[in-house]
């Protein structure tokens, strides 16, 4: 077998791809061609010639390959990159059907994951495999480049038999050259098109025309740099890595100016939450001055999508530009919910703020809520709530703080959580945040007490409450968990799957799907697939980085791995998960009478 590798550097040399077969004795082209063909075919038995990157052959080398095929002197296998112009002699081979041509399409997600696993020697965790495919779109060459550079950079970590891709993507010189070759040399107008989309894709054709003009977009589309939908509703880069490379090459001043330009021409409808958030994000990282109301509204949307870090940045920008006490309370809620160490000092700052009574009650509540989440001592929790109510003892405040008492009762396994939750829920006009927390306490208590029919009836109102306010929007997934669990207990497996899938379809963040991963896996378990269930939950734990976490959600997931593994016969996995469960600080059980079989 003869292996010939064509390169860009050898393309300007006559017979550069076959240079190792030539001597300097005779420079006559005909003699050189004859010499190469004789050297290639001077062997006994079948002759196979493999030509890699045939599109890079010089014309004379391409003629040699054509002669080998045309005269049936050898079996020839050659590769050429799609979208690249090949020499006429090579193109005529498949045009005249002298050889068969096979187009290798990009790999779909599963084959891509298989290829990555084969290269690494062990599987890549599902979230990392999805990230790899999203960036490469199944291009095998790009996947190999990314794997090599990320492993060299230390961004690929081997944990419990699985590779995990962590950290931000770096752009190595080799990847930069590869993508730069794909894009070609960009003149200024084309560079503007690509760079604008690199910071803000997708954009409508209307917006792009305002920024760079129609001709530039048409030229970029013709060059294969961008893709325009048939109706012009969206203009996107032709490949995700184009944006990664251009952002790495452009200066920060240019990127900020481009984001500001896009934000300035975007027209956002009031009911389009997605575009409102996009414009706020562009403004935040641009040379524009943020508008407090726009930042605060976008922060609510970010919280709805469970992106706490982004929401905090947006709230900080709103406050820095003059937002009032409601936005500051929203920031306090967010810090408390994120468990941020800075929450305590921020609460102290707000106590000195000039706020109306509504704000003072809200601040007292969120302080007690944060302390309740951070303390594992039930008596200490009660003391904190008593302190919060000392200056807030009117009927409305009692109703508000009963929600916290209900949560505290749940944490220590006290069935009075139901009564306390009802105090909150029965008060007319109680604030949404208190009603939502009380409803979750009631729903969970009904489930753990085995009162399944009541729980099923209350699930819908609970989910509705949790959807009304951004600060409690993450809690909308907990009623879904409880609702699906109750349906499973009642034997309504199909309905349980429908309940989970309905919420899963709008869970557009990794954390949202993490919250729903357990009920989704539990439905699989209820359908009789215990082993698959245990594996799915274990994958979720790894993908979310919860292996060493001591959080409540990690505790819940491990418990389910233990049970599903035991039932499927995997004693080792079950024992390991059970040891982690036993060591968890989150163990608890409601003190209750045995569940009535009637409820099932």
Protein backbone atom coordinates (compact mmCIF):
# COMPACT_ATOMS: atom_id res chain seq x y z
CA UNK A 1 0.00 0.00 0.00
CA UNK A 2 1.26 3.44 -0.97
CA UNK A 3 0.13 6.32 1.26
CA UNK A 4 0.25 9.83 -0.21
CA UNK A 5 -0.49 12.91 1.92
CA UNK A 6 -1.14 16.16 0.10
CA UNK A 7 -0.45 19.43 1.93
CA UNK A 8 -0.97 23.09 1.28
CA UNK A 9 2.75 23.77 1.55
CA UNK A 10 3.61 21.17 -1.15
CA UNK A 11 0.88 22.31 -3.52
CA UNK A 12 3.15 24.86 -5.20
CA UNK A 13 5.78 22.21 -6.03
CA UNK A 14 5.47 19.99 -9.08
CA UNK A 15 4.78 16.44 -7.90
CA UNK A 16 5.21 17.69 -4.33
CA UNK A 17 3.01 14.91 -2.93
CA UNK A 18 5.34 12.30 -4.55
CA UNK A 19 8.63 14.09 -3.82
CA UNK A 20 10.08 11.12 -1.91
CA UNK A 21 9.89 8.98 -5.07
CA UNK A 22 11.92 11.39 -7.23
CA UNK A 23 15.57 12.14 -7.77
CA UNK A 24 17.15 15.33 -9.12
CA UNK A 25 18.66 13.63 -12.22
CA UNK A 26 15.99 14.63 -14.77
CA UNK A 27 13.62 17.59 -14.53
CA UNK A 28 11.58 16.75 -17.63
CA UNK A 29 7.88 16.66 -16.52
CA UNK A 30 7.01 13.66 -18.73
CA UNK A 31 9.98 11.72 -17.40
CA UNK A 32 9.06 12.67 -13.80
CA UNK A 33 5.47 11.46 -14.24
CA UNK A 34 6.72 8.18 -15.74
CA UNK A 35 9.17 7.76 -12.84
CA UNK A 36 6.48 8.27 -10.21
CA UNK A 37 4.00 5.88 -11.85
CA UNK A 38 6.70 3.23 -12.19
CA UNK A 39 7.76 3.67 -8.52
CA UNK A 40 4.18 3.39 -7.32
CA UNK A 41 3.31 0.31 -9.41
CA UNK A 42 6.62 -1.54 -9.11
CA UNK A 43 5.35 -4.22 -6.75
CA UNK A 44 3.92 -7.73 -6.95
CA UNK A 45 0.28 -8.38 -6.15
CA UNK A 46 -2.59 -5.89 -5.92
CA UNK A 47 -1.53 -2.27 -5.57
CA UNK A 48 -3.48 0.12 -3.37
CA UNK A 49 -2.79 3.86 -3.29
CA UNK A 50 -4.37 6.04 -0.59
CA UNK A 51 -4.34 9.79 -1.21
CA UNK A 52 -5.25 11.96 1.80
CA UNK A 53 -6.52 15.52 1.22
CA UNK A 54 -6.57 15.11 -2.59
CA UNK A 55 -7.97 18.65 -2.94
CA UNK A 56 -4.49 19.90 -1.99
CA UNK A 57 -2.63 18.06 -4.78
CA UNK A 58 -0.68 20.08 -7.31
CA UNK A 59 -1.86 19.66 -10.90
CA UNK A 60 0.92 17.23 -11.93
CA UNK A 61 0.39 15.01 -8.85
CA UNK A 62 -3.34 15.05 -9.60
CA UNK A 63 -2.54 13.93 -13.18
CA UNK A 64 -0.52 10.98 -11.80
CA UNK A 65 -3.47 9.91 -9.65
CA UNK A 66 -5.80 10.24 -12.63
CA UNK A 67 -3.52 8.03 -14.73
CA UNK A 68 -3.34 5.37 -12.03
CA UNK A 69 -7.12 5.15 -12.07
CA UNK A 70 -7.72 5.64 -15.80
CA UNK A 71 -5.16 2.99 -16.82
CA UNK A 72 -6.29 0.65 -14.06
CA UNK A 73 -2.76 0.51 -12.66
CA UNK A 74 -3.83 0.56 -9.01
CA UNK A 75 -6.82 0.67 -6.73
CA UNK A 76 -7.06 4.26 -5.51
CA UNK A 77 -8.78 5.52 -2.38
CA UNK A 78 -8.72 9.25 -1.89
CA UNK A 79 -10.22 11.77 0.53
CA UNK A 80 -11.13 15.38 -0.20
CA UNK A 81 -12.68 17.99 2.04
CA UNK A 82 -16.22 19.09 1.22
CA UNK A 83 -16.50 22.66 0.02
CA UNK A 84 -12.89 22.78 -1.24
CA UNK A 85 -12.07 23.04 -4.96
CA UNK A 86 -10.16 19.98 -6.22
CA UNK A 87 -7.78 19.92 -9.23
CA UNK A 88 -9.53 19.22 -12.54
CA UNK A 89 -7.92 15.77 -12.88
CA UNK A 90 -9.29 14.74 -9.49
CA UNK A 91 -12.76 16.19 -10.04
CA UNK A 92 -13.01 14.34 -13.37
CA UNK A 93 -12.53 11.01 -11.60
CA UNK A 94 -15.97 11.11 -9.97
CA UNK A 95 -17.52 13.30 -12.65
CA UNK A 96 -16.67 10.64 -15.27
CA UNK A 97 -17.57 7.89 -12.79
CA UNK A 98 -14.12 6.37 -12.86
CA UNK A 99 -14.35 6.05 -9.08
CA UNK A 100 -17.26 5.92 -6.67
CA UNK A 101 -17.85 8.99 -4.53
CA UNK A 102 -19.23 8.81 -1.01
CA UNK A 103 -20.24 11.89 0.94
CA UNK A 104 -19.52 11.49 4.66
CA UNK A 105 -22.10 13.50 6.55
CA UNK A 106 -21.38 14.88 10.04
CA UNK A 107 -21.99 12.39 12.82
CA UNK A 108 -25.24 12.51 14.74
CA UNK A 109 -25.13 12.75 18.52
CA UNK A 110 -24.89 9.06 19.44
CA UNK A 111 -22.14 8.15 16.93
CA UNK A 112 -20.27 11.32 17.99
CA UNK A 113 -20.40 10.17 21.60
CA UNK A 114 -19.16 6.72 20.54
CA UNK A 115 -16.24 8.26 18.65
CA UNK A 116 -15.27 10.45 21.61
CA UNK A 117 -15.44 7.45 23.96
CA UNK A 118 -13.23 5.44 21.60
CA UNK A 119 -10.63 8.23 21.44
CA UNK A 120 -10.60 8.77 25.23
CA UNK A 121 -10.84 5.08 26.13
CA UNK A 122 -13.81 5.71 28.44
CA UNK A 123 -17.15 7.47 28.03
CA UNK A 124 -17.62 11.22 28.26
CA UNK A 125 -20.40 12.18 30.67
CA UNK A 126 -23.71 13.03 28.93
CA UNK A 127 -23.58 16.78 29.53
CA UNK A 128 -20.01 17.01 28.20
CA UNK A 129 -20.85 14.83 25.20
CA UNK A 130 -23.76 17.12 24.38
CA UNK A 131 -21.49 20.16 24.72
CA UNK A 132 -18.95 18.56 22.36
CA UNK A 133 -21.60 17.87 19.73
CA UNK A 134 -23.10 21.36 20.05
CA UNK A 135 -19.71 22.90 19.30
CA UNK A 136 -18.60 20.57 16.49
CA UNK A 137 -21.97 19.58 14.97
CA UNK A 138 -20.56 16.09 14.50
CA UNK A 139 -17.49 17.12 12.47
CA UNK A 140 -15.02 14.33 13.30
CA UNK A 141 -11.93 16.41 12.50
CA UNK A 142 -13.04 19.20 14.81
CA UNK A 143 -13.90 16.72 17.56
CA UNK A 144 -10.41 15.22 17.45
CA UNK A 145 -8.82 18.68 17.57
CA UNK A 146 -11.00 19.73 20.51
CA UNK A 147 -10.32 16.53 22.45
CA UNK A 148 -6.56 16.90 21.99
CA UNK A 149 -6.44 20.55 22.99
CA UNK A 150 -8.80 20.21 25.96
CA UNK A 151 -6.95 17.18 27.31
CA UNK A 152 -3.63 19.02 26.99
CA UNK A 153 -5.17 22.05 28.74
CA UNK A 154 -6.33 19.87 31.66
CA UNK A 155 -10.01 20.55 30.99
CA UNK A 156 -10.86 16.84 30.67
CA UNK A 157 -11.02 15.13 34.09
CA UNK A 158 -11.42 11.41 34.67
CA UNK A 159 -13.82 10.82 37.58
CA UNK A 160 -15.33 7.45 38.58
CA UNK A 161 -14.78 5.87 35.19
CA UNK A 162 -16.14 8.82 33.22
CA UNK A 163 -14.50 11.79 31.51
CA UNK A 164 -15.90 15.21 32.34
CA UNK A 165 -15.25 18.39 30.37
CA UNK A 166 -14.90 21.38 32.68
CA UNK A 167 -13.95 25.03 32.28
CA UNK A 168 -14.26 27.44 29.40
CA UNK A 169 -13.29 26.42 25.87
CA UNK A 170 -9.83 27.56 24.90
CA UNK A 171 -8.79 28.23 21.30
CA UNK A 172 -5.46 26.58 20.54
CA UNK A 173 -3.27 27.78 17.62
CA UNK A 174 -4.04 24.59 15.68
CA UNK A 175 -7.79 25.03 16.12
CA UNK A 176 -7.45 28.70 15.24
CA UNK A 177 -5.67 27.79 12.01
CA UNK A 178 -8.21 25.09 11.15
CA UNK A 179 -11.26 27.30 11.65
CA UNK A 180 -9.50 30.26 10.05
CA UNK A 181 -8.89 28.11 6.97
CA UNK A 182 -12.57 27.15 6.90
CA UNK A 183 -13.66 30.80 7.04
CA UNK A 184 -10.99 32.16 4.74
CA UNK A 185 -9.65 35.70 4.81
CA UNK A 186 -12.38 38.10 5.88
CA UNK A 187 -12.52 41.61 4.53
CA UNK A 188 -13.94 44.25 6.87
CA UNK A 189 -17.61 43.97 5.84
CA UNK A 190 -17.61 40.18 6.22
CA UNK A 191 -15.73 40.41 9.51
CA UNK A 192 -18.45 42.74 10.83
CA UNK A 193 -21.17 40.24 9.86
CA UNK A 194 -19.40 37.34 11.55
CA UNK A 195 -18.39 39.30 14.66
CA UNK A 196 -21.88 40.72 15.23
CA UNK A 197 -23.34 37.22 15.09
CA UNK A 198 -20.51 35.97 17.30
CA UNK A 199 -21.81 38.17 20.13
CA UNK A 200 -25.54 38.06 19.43
CA UNK A 201 -26.68 35.22 17.15
CA UNK A 202 -29.27 34.55 15.99
CA UNK A 203 -30.50 37.92 14.72
CA UNK A 204 -33.28 38.71 12.29
CA UNK A 205 -32.39 39.71 8.74
CA UNK A 206 -34.05 43.06 9.45
CA UNK A 207 -31.66 43.78 12.34
CA UNK A 208 -28.62 42.62 10.34
CA UNK A 209 -29.56 44.91 7.45
CA UNK A 210 -29.72 47.87 9.84
CA UNK A 211 -26.26 47.04 11.17
CA UNK A 212 -24.25 45.98 8.10
CA UNK A 213 -26.52 46.26 5.05
CA UNK A 214 -28.16 43.60 2.92
CA UNK A 215 -25.25 43.12 0.51
CA UNK A 216 -22.83 42.16 3.28
CA UNK A 217 -25.26 39.53 4.60
CA UNK A 218 -25.79 38.14 1.09
CA UNK A 219 -22.03 37.91 0.53
CA UNK A 220 -21.51 36.20 3.88
CA UNK A 221 -24.25 33.70 3.04
CA UNK A 222 -22.70 33.00 -0.37
CA UNK A 223 -19.31 32.45 1.28
CA UNK A 224 -20.80 29.85 3.63
CA UNK A 225 -20.16 31.96 6.71
CA UNK A 226 -23.79 32.42 7.75
CA UNK A 227 -27.11 30.66 7.34
CA UNK A 228 -30.31 32.62 6.66
CA UNK A 229 -33.70 31.01 7.17
CA UNK A 230 -36.07 31.09 4.21
CA UNK A 231 -38.24 33.81 5.69
CA UNK A 232 -35.32 35.87 6.99
CA UNK A 233 -36.46 35.42 10.58
CA UNK A 234 -32.99 34.33 11.71
CA UNK A 235 -29.41 34.81 10.57
CA UNK A 236 -26.87 32.53 12.30
CA UNK A 237 -23.24 31.56 11.90
CA UNK A 238 -22.72 28.51 9.71
CA UNK A 239 -20.76 26.81 12.49
CA UNK A 240 -20.63 27.41 16.28
CA UNK A 241 -16.82 27.45 16.34
CA UNK A 242 -16.75 30.45 13.99
CA UNK A 243 -18.09 32.54 16.85
CA UNK A 244 -15.71 31.01 19.38
CA UNK A 245 -12.70 31.83 17.20
CA UNK A 246 -13.80 35.36 16.34
CA UNK A 247 -14.52 36.22 19.99
CA UNK A 248 -11.07 34.94 20.91
CA UNK A 249 -9.45 37.11 18.23
CA UNK A 250 -11.44 40.33 18.69
CA UNK A 251 -10.51 42.89 21.32
CA UNK A 252 -12.79 43.61 24.28
CA UNK A 253 -13.43 47.20 23.15
CA UNK A 254 -14.68 45.98 19.75
CA UNK A 255 -16.90 43.30 21.29
CA UNK A 256 -18.47 45.80 23.73
CA UNK A 257 -19.13 48.25 20.90
CA UNK A 258 -20.75 45.56 18.75
CA UNK A 259 -23.01 44.39 21.60
CA UNK A 260 -24.10 47.97 22.16
CA UNK A 261 -24.84 48.41 18.46
CA UNK A 262 -27.04 45.31 18.42
CA UNK A 263 -28.88 46.27 21.63
CA UNK A 264 -29.56 49.74 20.24
CA UNK A 265 -31.38 48.48 17.14
CA UNK A 266 -33.26 45.56 18.70
CA UNK A 267 -37.01 46.15 18.89
CA UNK A 268 -38.43 43.94 21.64
CA UNK A 269 -42.12 43.28 22.14
CA UNK A 270 -43.26 43.53 25.79
CA UNK A 271 -44.39 39.89 25.86
CA UNK A 272 -41.17 38.50 24.35
CA UNK A 273 -39.26 37.49 27.47
CA UNK A 274 -36.48 35.79 25.52
CA UNK A 275 -35.55 38.90 23.53
CA UNK A 276 -35.92 41.15 26.59
CA UNK A 277 -33.34 39.04 28.40
CA UNK A 278 -31.06 38.97 25.35
CA UNK A 279 -31.10 42.75 24.97
CA UNK A 280 -30.40 43.24 28.68
CA UNK A 281 -27.47 40.81 28.51
CA UNK A 282 -26.05 42.61 25.48
CA UNK A 283 -26.44 45.98 27.22
CA UNK A 284 -24.82 44.65 30.38
CA UNK A 285 -21.63 43.72 28.48
CA UNK A 286 -21.59 46.71 26.15
CA UNK A 287 -20.62 50.37 26.13
CA UNK A 288 -24.25 51.42 26.83
CA UNK A 289 -25.61 52.73 30.14
CA UNK A 290 -28.01 50.15 31.67
CA UNK A 291 -31.61 51.20 32.38
CA UNK A 292 -32.61 50.10 35.93
CA UNK A 293 -36.12 48.94 35.02
CA UNK A 294 -34.87 46.94 32.04
CA UNK A 295 -32.18 45.26 34.16
CA UNK A 296 -34.63 44.42 36.96
CA UNK A 297 -37.19 42.96 34.54
CA UNK A 298 -34.49 40.90 32.84
CA UNK A 299 -33.29 39.64 36.24
CA UNK A 300 -36.76 38.20 36.88
CA UNK A 301 -36.59 36.38 33.55
CA UNK A 302 -33.11 35.04 34.38
CA UNK A 303 -34.39 33.77 37.73
CA UNK A 304 -37.27 32.09 35.95
CA UNK A 305 -34.70 30.26 33.85
CA UNK A 306 -32.77 29.39 37.05
CA UNK A 307 -29.69 31.37 36.07
CA UNK A 308 -28.88 32.88 39.45
CA UNK A 309 -25.46 34.25 38.48
CA UNK A 310 -26.87 36.20 35.54
CA UNK A 311 -29.82 37.44 37.61
CA UNK A 312 -27.41 38.74 40.26
CA UNK A 313 -25.37 40.65 37.66
CA UNK A 314 -28.54 42.22 36.26
CA UNK A 315 -29.82 43.20 39.71
CA UNK A 316 -26.45 44.69 40.60
CA UNK A 317 -26.55 46.79 37.41
CA UNK A 318 -30.09 47.94 38.20
CA UNK A 319 -29.17 48.96 41.76
CA UNK A 320 -25.98 50.69 40.62
CA UNK A 321 -28.12 52.80 38.30
CA UNK A 322 -30.70 53.86 40.88
CA UNK A 323 -33.21 51.00 41.31
CA UNK A 324 -35.44 51.18 44.40
CA UNK A 325 -36.08 49.01 47.45
CA UNK A 326 -38.07 46.29 45.65
CA UNK A 327 -35.06 45.45 43.50
CA UNK A 328 -32.85 45.40 46.58
CA UNK A 329 -35.24 42.95 48.27
CA UNK A 330 -35.16 40.84 45.11
CA UNK A 331 -31.37 40.78 45.38
CA UNK A 332 -31.66 39.72 49.03
CA UNK A 333 -33.95 36.84 48.02
CA UNK A 334 -31.53 35.74 45.35
CA UNK A 335 -28.51 35.80 47.67
CA UNK A 336 -30.45 33.81 50.25
CA UNK A 337 -31.56 31.25 47.71
CA UNK A 338 -28.03 30.86 46.34
CA UNK A 339 -26.66 30.42 49.85
CA UNK A 340 -24.17 33.22 49.20
CA UNK A 341 -21.92 34.11 52.16
CA UNK A 342 -22.43 37.81 51.36
CA UNK A 343 -26.16 37.52 52.13
CA UNK A 344 -25.76 38.24 55.86
CA UNK A 345 -23.83 41.47 55.36
CA UNK A 346 -26.27 42.55 52.65
CA UNK A 347 -29.22 42.00 54.99
CA UNK A 348 -27.49 44.24 57.54
CA UNK A 349 -27.08 46.96 54.91
CA UNK A 350 -30.76 46.83 54.01
CA UNK A 351 -31.89 47.19 57.60
CA UNK A 352 -30.65 50.77 57.44
CA UNK A 353 -32.61 51.45 54.24
CA UNK A 354 -35.66 53.72 54.34
CA UNK A 355 -38.35 51.22 53.28
CA UNK A 356 -42.13 51.07 53.75
CA UNK A 357 -43.62 48.43 56.05
CA UNK A 358 -44.10 46.03 53.13
CA UNK A 359 -40.38 46.13 52.48
CA UNK A 360 -39.51 45.68 56.14
CA UNK A 361 -41.72 42.57 56.42
CA UNK A 362 -40.24 41.17 53.22
CA UNK A 363 -36.71 41.76 54.50
CA UNK A 364 -37.47 40.15 57.85
CA UNK A 365 -38.95 37.15 56.07
CA UNK A 366 -36.05 36.66 53.69
CA UNK A 367 -33.55 36.97 56.55
CA UNK A 368 -35.37 34.27 58.48
CA UNK A 369 -35.71 32.16 55.33
CA UNK A 370 -31.97 32.37 54.68
CA UNK A 371 -31.17 31.47 58.27
CA UNK A 372 -33.63 28.55 58.19
CA UNK A 373 -31.95 27.14 55.12
CA UNK A 374 -28.50 27.50 56.61
CA UNK A 375 -29.23 26.10 60.07
CA UNK A 376 -29.77 22.45 60.89
CA UNK A 377 -30.92 23.08 64.49
CA UNK A 378 -34.77 23.08 64.71
CA UNK A 379 -34.77 25.09 67.97
CA UNK A 380 -32.44 27.66 66.51
CA UNK A 381 -34.73 27.96 63.50
CA UNK A 382 -37.72 28.63 65.78
CA UNK A 383 -35.76 31.29 67.63
CA UNK A 384 -34.87 33.02 64.38
CA UNK A 385 -38.50 33.07 63.30
CA UNK A 386 -39.56 34.41 66.70
CA UNK A 387 -37.01 37.17 66.36
CA UNK A 388 -38.30 38.05 62.91
CA UNK A 389 -41.89 38.25 64.21
CA UNK A 390 -41.02 40.37 67.23
CA UNK A 391 -41.61 43.58 65.30
CA UNK A 392 -44.12 42.05 62.90
CA UNK A 393 -47.01 40.64 64.96
CA UNK A 394 -50.03 41.92 63.01
CA UNK A 395 -52.37 39.28 61.44
CA UNK A 396 -50.84 39.58 57.97
CA UNK A 397 -47.31 39.15 59.30
CA UNK A 398 -48.42 36.14 61.37
CA UNK A 399 -49.84 34.60 58.19
CA UNK A 400 -46.65 35.38 56.28
CA UNK A 401 -44.31 33.92 58.88
CA UNK A 402 -46.47 30.83 59.36
CA UNK A 403 -45.11 29.76 55.97
CA UNK A 404 -41.64 29.67 57.50
CA UNK A 405 -42.95 27.80 60.52
CA UNK A 406 -44.52 25.26 58.17
CA UNK A 407 -41.19 24.80 56.39
CA UNK A 408 -39.40 24.41 59.71
CA UNK A 409 -41.96 21.85 60.86
CA UNK A 410 -41.38 19.87 57.69
CA UNK A 411 -37.62 19.88 58.25
CA UNK A 412 -37.98 18.30 61.69
CA UNK A 413 -40.68 15.79 60.69
CA UNK A 414 -43.58 17.50 62.46
CA UNK A 415 -47.06 16.91 60.90
CA UNK A 416 -48.25 20.28 62.25
CA UNK A 417 -46.69 21.59 59.05
CA UNK A 418 -50.14 21.12 57.50
CA UNK A 419 -51.89 23.36 60.05
CA UNK A 420 -49.22 26.05 59.82
CA UNK A 421 -49.38 26.06 56.02
CA UNK A 422 -53.17 26.52 56.20
CA UNK A 423 -52.72 29.64 58.37
CA UNK A 424 -50.80 31.23 55.51
CA UNK A 425 -52.96 29.96 52.68
CA UNK A 426 -56.24 30.99 54.29
CA UNK A 427 -55.25 34.63 54.83
CA UNK A 428 -56.69 36.93 52.12
CA UNK A 429 -54.07 38.69 50.02
CA UNK A 430 -51.04 36.97 51.56
CA UNK A 431 -47.86 37.76 49.54
CA UNK A 432 -47.07 35.29 46.78
CA UNK A 433 -43.70 34.24 48.17
CA UNK A 434 -45.25 33.17 51.47
CA UNK A 435 -48.18 31.42 49.80
CA UNK A 436 -45.87 29.48 47.47
CA UNK A 437 -43.65 28.23 50.31
CA UNK A 438 -46.67 27.29 52.41
CA UNK A 439 -48.22 25.43 49.48
CA UNK A 440 -45.05 23.41 48.94
CA UNK A 441 -45.01 22.49 52.64
CA UNK A 442 -48.63 21.39 52.50
CA UNK A 443 -48.17 19.40 49.29
CA UNK A 444 -45.09 17.61 50.61
CA UNK A 445 -46.74 16.87 53.95
CA UNK A 446 -49.80 15.40 52.24
CA UNK A 447 -47.56 13.12 50.22
CA UNK A 448 -45.45 11.94 53.14
CA UNK A 449 -48.57 11.37 55.22
CA UNK A 450 -49.92 9.18 52.45
CA UNK A 451 -52.94 11.38 51.70
CA UNK A 452 -52.48 10.87 47.98
CA UNK A 453 -55.92 11.92 46.74
CA UNK A 454 -55.67 15.27 48.54
CA UNK A 455 -52.16 15.73 47.24
CA UNK A 456 -53.26 15.14 43.66
CA UNK A 457 -56.03 17.70 44.01
CA UNK A 458 -53.66 20.30 45.49
CA UNK A 459 -50.77 19.85 43.01
CA UNK A 460 -52.23 22.15 40.32
CA UNK A 461 -52.86 25.15 42.62
CA UNK A 462 -49.39 24.73 44.10
CA UNK A 463 -47.67 24.81 40.73
CA UNK A 464 -49.72 27.87 39.76
CA UNK A 465 -48.62 29.69 42.93
CA UNK A 466 -44.98 28.88 42.33
CA UNK A 467 -45.10 30.35 38.85
CA UNK A 468 -46.24 33.82 39.92
CA UNK A 469 -43.05 35.28 41.31
CA UNK A 470 -39.49 35.08 40.01
CA UNK A 471 -37.85 34.62 43.42
CA UNK A 472 -39.81 31.39 43.96
CA UNK A 473 -39.90 30.30 40.31
CA UNK A 474 -37.36 27.52 40.90
CA UNK A 475 -39.82 25.94 43.32
CA UNK A 476 -42.25 25.22 40.46
CA UNK A 477 -40.37 21.97 39.85
CA UNK A 478 -40.85 20.63 43.38
CA UNK A 479 -44.66 20.38 43.09
CA UNK A 480 -44.10 18.49 39.83
CA UNK A 481 -41.92 16.03 41.70
CA UNK A 482 -44.52 15.58 44.40
CA UNK A 483 -47.37 15.38 41.88
CA UNK A 484 -45.62 12.65 39.86
CA UNK A 485 -44.80 10.74 43.04
CA UNK A 486 -48.44 10.79 44.14
CA UNK A 487 -49.58 9.57 40.72
CA UNK A 488 -47.10 6.70 40.94
CA UNK A 489 -48.41 5.76 44.38
CA UNK A 490 -51.93 5.79 42.96
CA UNK A 491 -50.83 3.48 40.14
CA UNK A 492 -51.29 6.13 37.44
CA UNK A 493 -47.90 5.63 35.76
CA UNK A 494 -48.89 7.03 32.37
CA UNK A 495 -50.27 10.18 34.00
CA UNK A 496 -47.09 10.51 36.09
CA UNK A 497 -44.95 10.44 32.95
CA UNK A 498 -47.22 13.04 31.31
CA UNK A 499 -46.94 15.33 34.36
CA UNK A 500 -43.13 15.17 34.33
CA UNK A 501 -42.81 15.50 30.56
CA UNK A 502 -45.06 18.56 30.54
CA UNK A 503 -42.71 20.43 32.88
CA UNK A 504 -39.56 18.90 31.35
CA UNK A 505 -40.46 20.43 27.99
CA UNK A 506 -40.19 23.94 29.46
CA UNK A 507 -37.14 23.20 31.64
CA UNK A 508 -34.66 25.14 29.53
CA UNK A 509 -31.65 25.07 31.85
CA UNK A 510 -29.38 22.35 33.13
CA UNK A 511 -30.40 22.98 36.74
CA UNK A 512 -34.09 22.78 35.85
CA UNK A 513 -33.55 19.41 34.23
CA UNK A 514 -31.52 18.36 37.26
CA UNK A 515 -34.52 19.08 39.48
CA UNK A 516 -36.75 17.06 37.16
CA UNK A 517 -34.25 14.28 36.53
CA UNK A 518 -35.26 12.30 39.60
CA UNK A 519 -39.03 12.19 38.97
CA UNK A 520 -38.31 11.39 35.31
CA UNK A 521 -36.09 8.50 36.37
CA UNK A 522 -38.62 7.38 38.99
CA UNK A 523 -41.27 7.04 36.31
CA UNK A 524 -38.86 4.79 34.41
CA UNK A 525 -38.48 2.77 37.60
CA UNK A 526 -42.26 2.54 38.07
CA UNK A 527 -42.50 1.20 34.52
CA UNK A 528 -40.26 -1.70 35.56
CA UNK A 529 -36.82 -0.56 34.41
CA UNK A 530 -34.93 -0.53 37.70
CA UNK A 531 -31.41 -1.01 36.31
CA UNK A 532 -31.85 1.71 33.67
CA UNK A 533 -33.31 3.94 36.36
CA UNK A 534 -30.30 3.54 38.64
CA UNK A 535 -27.92 4.24 35.76
CA UNK A 536 -29.87 7.32 34.67
CA UNK A 537 -29.85 8.81 38.16
CA UNK A 538 -26.13 8.02 38.55
CA UNK A 539 -25.48 9.84 35.26
CA UNK A 540 -27.41 12.85 36.55
CA UNK A 541 -25.32 12.92 39.74
CA UNK A 542 -22.08 12.88 37.72
CA UNK A 543 -23.28 15.41 35.14
CA UNK A 544 -24.30 17.85 37.89
CA UNK A 545 -21.07 17.37 39.85
CA UNK A 546 -22.93 16.09 42.92
CA UNK A 547 -20.62 13.16 43.77
CA UNK A 548 -19.28 14.81 46.91
CA UNK A 549 -22.19 17.20 47.55
CA UNK A 550 -23.94 17.18 50.92
CA UNK A 551 -27.00 19.04 49.63
CA UNK A 552 -30.57 17.85 50.02
CA UNK A 553 -30.97 17.18 46.32
CA UNK A 554 -27.82 15.04 46.24
CA UNK A 555 -29.11 13.11 49.27
CA UNK A 556 -32.43 12.44 47.51
CA UNK A 557 -30.71 11.25 44.35
CA UNK A 558 -28.39 8.90 46.24
CA UNK A 559 -31.30 7.38 48.12
CA UNK A 560 -32.99 6.57 44.84
CA UNK A 561 -29.79 5.09 43.39
CA UNK A 562 -29.55 2.84 46.46
CA UNK A 563 -33.13 1.60 46.14
CA UNK A 564 -33.13 1.11 42.38
CA UNK A 565 -29.71 -0.59 42.41
CA UNK A 566 -30.77 -2.96 45.17
CA UNK A 567 -33.93 -3.98 43.34
CA UNK A 568 -32.02 -4.49 40.08
CA UNK A 569 -29.48 -6.72 41.87
CA UNK A 570 -26.48 -4.35 41.82
CA UNK A 571 -25.45 -4.84 45.44
CA UNK A 572 -22.14 -2.95 45.23
CA UNK A 573 -23.68 0.25 43.84
CA UNK A 574 -26.59 0.00 46.27
CA UNK A 575 -24.25 -0.40 49.27
CA UNK A 576 -22.09 2.55 48.21
CA UNK A 577 -25.11 4.82 47.72
CA UNK A 578 -26.64 3.71 51.02
CA UNK A 579 -23.45 4.53 52.93
CA UNK A 580 -23.59 8.04 51.45
CA UNK A 581 -27.25 8.34 52.43
CA UNK A 582 -26.52 7.26 56.00
CA UNK A 583 -23.76 9.84 56.28
CA UNK A 584 -25.89 12.68 54.91
CA UNK A 585 -26.94 15.54 57.21
CA UNK A 586 -30.25 15.71 55.30
CA UNK A 587 -31.83 12.53 56.65
CA UNK A 588 -35.32 13.07 58.00
CA UNK A 589 -38.76 11.41 58.15
CA UNK A 590 -42.17 12.80 59.01
CA UNK A 591 -43.51 11.38 62.26
CA UNK A 592 -46.80 9.86 61.21
CA UNK A 593 -49.12 6.92 61.57
CA UNK A 594 -48.92 4.14 59.01
CA UNK A 595 -50.30 5.11 55.61
CA UNK A 596 -53.83 3.92 54.92
CA UNK A 597 -53.93 1.43 52.03
CA UNK A 598 -57.11 3.13 50.85
CA UNK A 599 -54.99 6.07 49.66
CA UNK A 600 -53.16 3.80 47.22
